[in-house]
Amino acid sequence: MAISAELGENLEKVVSDLVENGRYNSKSEVLREGVRLVQEREAHLRELEAKIQAGVDDFEAGRSSTIDQAFQRVRKQIAAGATQKAS
Protein backbone atom coordinates (compact mmCIF):
# COMPACT_ATOMS: atom_id res chain seq x y z
CA MET A 1 0.00 0.00 0.00
CA ALA A 2 1.56 3.24 -1.14
CA ILE A 3 1.45 6.31 1.07
CA SER A 4 2.01 9.83 -0.12
CA ALA A 5 3.13 12.46 2.35
CA GLU A 6 3.80 16.17 2.04
CA LEU A 7 6.87 16.78 4.21
CA GLY A 8 7.46 20.41 3.49
CA GLU A 9 10.64 21.95 2.16
CA ASN A 10 12.80 21.55 5.29
CA LEU A 11 11.98 17.91 5.99
CA GLU A 12 12.22 16.99 2.32
CA LYS A 13 15.74 18.45 2.28
CA VAL A 14 16.69 16.44 5.37
CA VAL A 15 15.41 13.24 3.78
CA SER A 16 17.17 13.99 0.48
CA ASP A 17 20.44 14.81 2.25
CA LEU A 18 20.33 11.53 4.19
CA VAL A 19 19.92 9.58 0.96
CA GLU A 20 22.49 11.62 -0.99
CA ASN A 21 25.07 11.21 1.79
CA GLY A 22 24.60 7.43 1.73
CA ARG A 23 23.13 7.16 5.22
CA TYR A 24 20.00 5.56 3.74
CA ASN A 25 19.41 3.86 0.40
CA SER A 26 16.09 5.52 -0.34
CA LYS A 27 13.62 8.11 0.87
CA SER A 28 11.25 5.29 1.79
CA GLU A 29 13.92 3.81 4.05
CA VAL A 30 14.30 7.15 5.84
CA LEU A 31 10.56 7.43 6.34
CA ARG A 32 10.27 3.82 7.59
CA GLU A 33 13.00 4.53 10.16
CA GLY A 34 11.12 7.66 11.22
CA VAL A 35 7.93 5.69 11.76
CA ARG A 36 9.84 3.05 13.76
CA LEU A 37 11.23 5.80 15.99
CA VAL A 38 7.74 7.21 16.52
CA GLN A 39 6.54 3.71 17.46
CA GLU A 40 9.37 3.40 20.01
CA ARG A 41 8.58 6.82 21.47
CA GLU A 42 4.90 5.98 21.74
CA ALA A 43 5.74 2.70 23.51
CA HIS A 44 7.95 4.59 25.99
CA LEU A 45 5.18 7.10 26.59
CA ARG A 46 2.71 4.28 27.30
CA GLU A 47 5.19 2.77 29.80
CA LEU A 48 5.66 6.15 31.45
CA GLU A 49 1.91 6.73 31.66
CA ALA A 50 1.49 3.28 33.26
CA LYS A 51 4.19 4.06 35.84
CA ILE A 52 2.62 7.42 36.62
CA GLN A 53 -0.78 5.75 37.03
CA ALA A 54 0.75 3.13 39.35
CA GLY A 55 2.19 5.95 41.45
CA VAL A 56 -1.17 7.73 41.57
CA ASP A 57 -2.87 4.46 42.50
CA ASP A 58 -0.33 3.87 45.29
CA PHE A 59 -0.85 7.38 46.62
CA GLU A 60 -4.62 7.09 46.54
CA ALA A 61 -4.42 3.73 48.35
CA GLY A 62 -2.29 5.28 51.08
CA ARG A 63 0.92 3.59 49.96
CA SER A 64 3.04 6.71 50.20
CA SER A 65 5.36 8.47 52.61
CA THR A 66 6.44 11.98 53.40
CA ILE A 67 9.72 13.36 52.16
CA ASP A 68 11.06 13.22 55.71
CA GLN A 69 10.24 9.51 55.92
CA ALA A 70 11.91 8.89 52.58
CA PHE A 71 15.06 10.77 53.61
CA GLN A 72 15.14 8.86 56.89
CA ARG A 73 15.09 5.54 54.97
CA VAL A 74 17.86 6.76 52.66
CA ARG A 75 19.99 7.90 55.61
CA LYS A 76 19.58 4.46 57.23
CA GLN A 77 20.60 2.74 54.00
CA ILE A 78 23.67 4.97 53.69
CA ALA A 79 24.61 4.34 57.31
CA ALA A 80 24.17 0.60 56.85
CA GLY A 81 26.36 0.71 53.75
CA ALA A 82 29.06 2.68 55.57
CA THR A 83 28.96 0.18 58.45
CA GLN A 84 29.36 -2.76 56.04
CA LYS A 85 32.37 -1.12 54.37
CA ALA A 86 34.03 -0.48 57.75
CA SER A 87 33.74 -4.17 58.69
C-alpha atoms as a PDB file:
ATOM      1  CA  MET A   1       0.000   0.000   0.000  1.00  0.00           C
ATOM      2  CA  ALA A   2       1.561   3.244  -1.138  1.00  0.00           C
ATOM      3  CA  ILE A   3       1.455   6.307   1.065  1.00  0.00           C
ATOM      4  CA  SER A   4       2.007   9.829  -0.124  1.00  0.00           C
ATOM      5  CA  ALA A   5       3.127  12.464   2.350  1.00  0.00           C
ATOM      6  CA  GLU A   6       3.796  16.174   2.040  1.00  0.00           C
ATOM      7  CA  LEU A   7       6.868  16.784   4.213  1.00  0.00           C
ATOM      8  CA  GLY A   8       7.465  20.411   3.487  1.00  0.00           C
ATOM      9  CA  GLU A   9      10.640  21.950   2.160  1.00  0.00           C
ATOM     10  CA  ASN A  10      12.798  21.553   5.286  1.00  0.00           C
ATOM     11  CA  LEU A  11      11.981  17.908   5.992  1.00  0.00           C
ATOM     12  CA  GLU A  12      12.216  16.994   2.322  1.00  0.00           C
ATOM     13  CA  LYS A  13      15.744  18.451   2.280  1.00  0.00           C
ATOM     14  CA  VAL A  14      16.694  16.437   5.374  1.00  0.00           C
ATOM     15  CA  VAL A  15      15.409  13.238   3.776  1.00  0.00           C
ATOM     16  CA  SER A  16      17.165  13.985   0.479  1.00  0.00           C
ATOM     17  CA  ASP A  17      20.445  14.811   2.247  1.00  0.00           C
ATOM     18  CA  LEU A  18      20.334  11.530   4.189  1.00  0.00           C
ATOM     19  CA  VAL A  19      19.919   9.576   0.957  1.00  0.00           C
ATOM     20  CA  GLU A  20      22.491  11.619  -0.990  1.00  0.00           C
ATOM     21  CA  ASN A  21      25.073  11.208   1.789  1.00  0.00           C
ATOM     22  CA  GLY A  22      24.598   7.432   1.734  1.00  0.00           C
ATOM     23  CA  ARG A  23      23.134   7.157   5.224  1.00  0.00           C
ATOM     24  CA  TYR A  24      20.003   5.556   3.743  1.00  0.00           C
ATOM     25  CA  ASN A  25      19.414   3.859   0.404  1.00  0.00           C
ATOM     26  CA  SER A  26      16.085   5.521  -0.338  1.00  0.00           C
ATOM     27  CA  LYS A  27      13.621   8.108   0.868  1.00  0.00           C
ATOM     28  CA  SER A  28      11.254   5.287   1.795  1.00  0.00           C
ATOM     29  CA  GLU A  29      13.923   3.807   4.053  1.00  0.00           C
ATOM     30  CA  VAL A  30      14.301   7.154   5.839  1.00  0.00           C
ATOM     31  CA  LEU A  31      10.556   7.427   6.345  1.00  0.00           C
ATOM     32  CA  ARG A  32      10.270   3.817   7.594  1.00  0.00           C
ATOM     33  CA  GLU A  33      12.998   4.534  10.155  1.00  0.00           C
ATOM     34  CA  GLY A  34      11.123   7.662  11.220  1.00  0.00           C
ATOM     35  CA  VAL A  35       7.931   5.686  11.756  1.00  0.00           C
ATOM     36  CA  ARG A  36       9.842   3.052  13.759  1.00  0.00           C
ATOM     37  CA  LEU A  37      11.229   5.798  15.987  1.00  0.00           C
ATOM     38  CA  VAL A  38       7.744   7.208  16.515  1.00  0.00           C
ATOM     39  CA  GLN A  39       6.544   3.705  17.461  1.00  0.00           C
ATOM     40  CA  GLU A  40       9.368   3.397  20.015  1.00  0.00           C
ATOM     41  CA  ARG A  41       8.581   6.821  21.468  1.00  0.00           C
ATOM     42  CA  GLU A  42       4.902   5.981  21.744  1.00  0.00           C
ATOM     43  CA  ALA A  43       5.739   2.704  23.512  1.00  0.00           C
ATOM     44  CA  HIS A  44       7.954   4.588  25.988  1.00  0.00           C
ATOM     45  CA  LEU A  45       5.180   7.103  26.585  1.00  0.00           C
ATOM     46  CA  ARG A  46       2.713   4.279  27.299  1.00  0.00           C
ATOM     47  CA  GLU A  47       5.191   2.774  29.795  1.00  0.00           C
ATOM     48  CA  LEU A  48       5.656   6.154  31.454  1.00  0.00           C
ATOM     49  CA  GLU A  49       1.911   6.731  31.656  1.00  0.00           C
ATOM     50  CA  ALA A  50       1.487   3.282  33.260  1.00  0.00           C
ATOM     51  CA  LYS A  51       4.188   4.057  35.841  1.00  0.00           C
ATOM     52  CA  ILE A  52       2.616   7.418  36.620  1.00  0.00           C
ATOM     53  CA  GLN A  53      -0.782   5.746  37.030  1.00  0.00           C
ATOM     54  CA  ALA A  54       0.753   3.129  39.347  1.00  0.00           C
ATOM     55  CA  GLY A  55       2.188   5.952  41.454  1.00  0.00           C
ATOM     56  CA  VAL A  56      -1.166   7.729  41.570  1.00  0.00           C
ATOM     57  CA  ASP A  57      -2.874   4.464  42.504  1.00  0.00           C
ATOM     58  CA  ASP A  58      -0.329   3.867  45.293  1.00  0.00           C
ATOM     59  CA  PHE A  59      -0.846   7.381  46.619  1.00  0.00           C
ATOM     60  CA  GLU A  60      -4.624   7.094  46.538  1.00  0.00           C
ATOM     61  CA  ALA A  61      -4.417   3.730  48.347  1.00  0.00           C
ATOM     62  CA  GLY A  62      -2.290   5.281  51.078  1.00  0.00           C
ATOM     63  CA  ARG A  63       0.916   3.587  49.964  1.00  0.00           C
ATOM     64  CA  SER A  64       3.041   6.715  50.203  1.00  0.00           C
ATOM     65  CA  SER A  65       5.356   8.466  52.612  1.00  0.00           C
ATOM     66  CA  THR A  66       6.437  11.985  53.401  1.00  0.00           C
ATOM     67  CA  ILE A  67       9.722  13.363  52.159  1.00  0.00           C
ATOM     68  CA  ASP A  68      11.063  13.217  55.711  1.00  0.00           C
ATOM     69  CA  GLN A  69      10.240   9.508  55.919  1.00  0.00           C
ATOM     70  CA  ALA A  70      11.911   8.885  52.575  1.00  0.00           C
ATOM     71  CA  PHE A  71      15.062  10.766  53.614  1.00  0.00           C
ATOM     72  CA  GLN A  72      15.136   8.864  56.888  1.00  0.00           C
ATOM     73  CA  ARG A  73      15.090   5.540  54.970  1.00  0.00           C
ATOM     74  CA  VAL A  74      17.863   6.761  52.665  1.00  0.00           C
ATOM     75  CA  ARG A  75      19.994   7.897  55.606  1.00  0.00           C
ATOM     76  CA  LYS A  76      19.577   4.462  57.230  1.00  0.00           C
ATOM     77  CA  GLN A  77      20.597   2.742  54.000  1.00  0.00           C
ATOM     78  CA  ILE A  78      23.667   4.973  53.693  1.00  0.00           C
ATOM     79  CA  ALA A  79      24.613   4.344  57.314  1.00  0.00           C
ATOM     80  CA  ALA A  80      24.175   0.600  56.848  1.00  0.00           C
ATOM     81  CA  GLY A  81      26.365   0.707  53.747  1.00  0.00           C
ATOM     82  CA  ALA A  82      29.056   2.678  55.569  1.00  0.00           C
ATOM     83  CA  THR A  83      28.962   0.177  58.448  1.00  0.00           C
ATOM     84  CA  GLN A  84      29.356  -2.761  56.041  1.00  0.00           C
ATOM     85  CA  LYS A  85      32.374  -1.118  54.368  1.00  0.00           C
ATOM     86  CA  ALA A  86      34.029  -0.480  57.746  1.00  0.00           C
ATOM     87  CA  SER A  87      33.745  -4.168  58.686  1.00  0.00           C
END
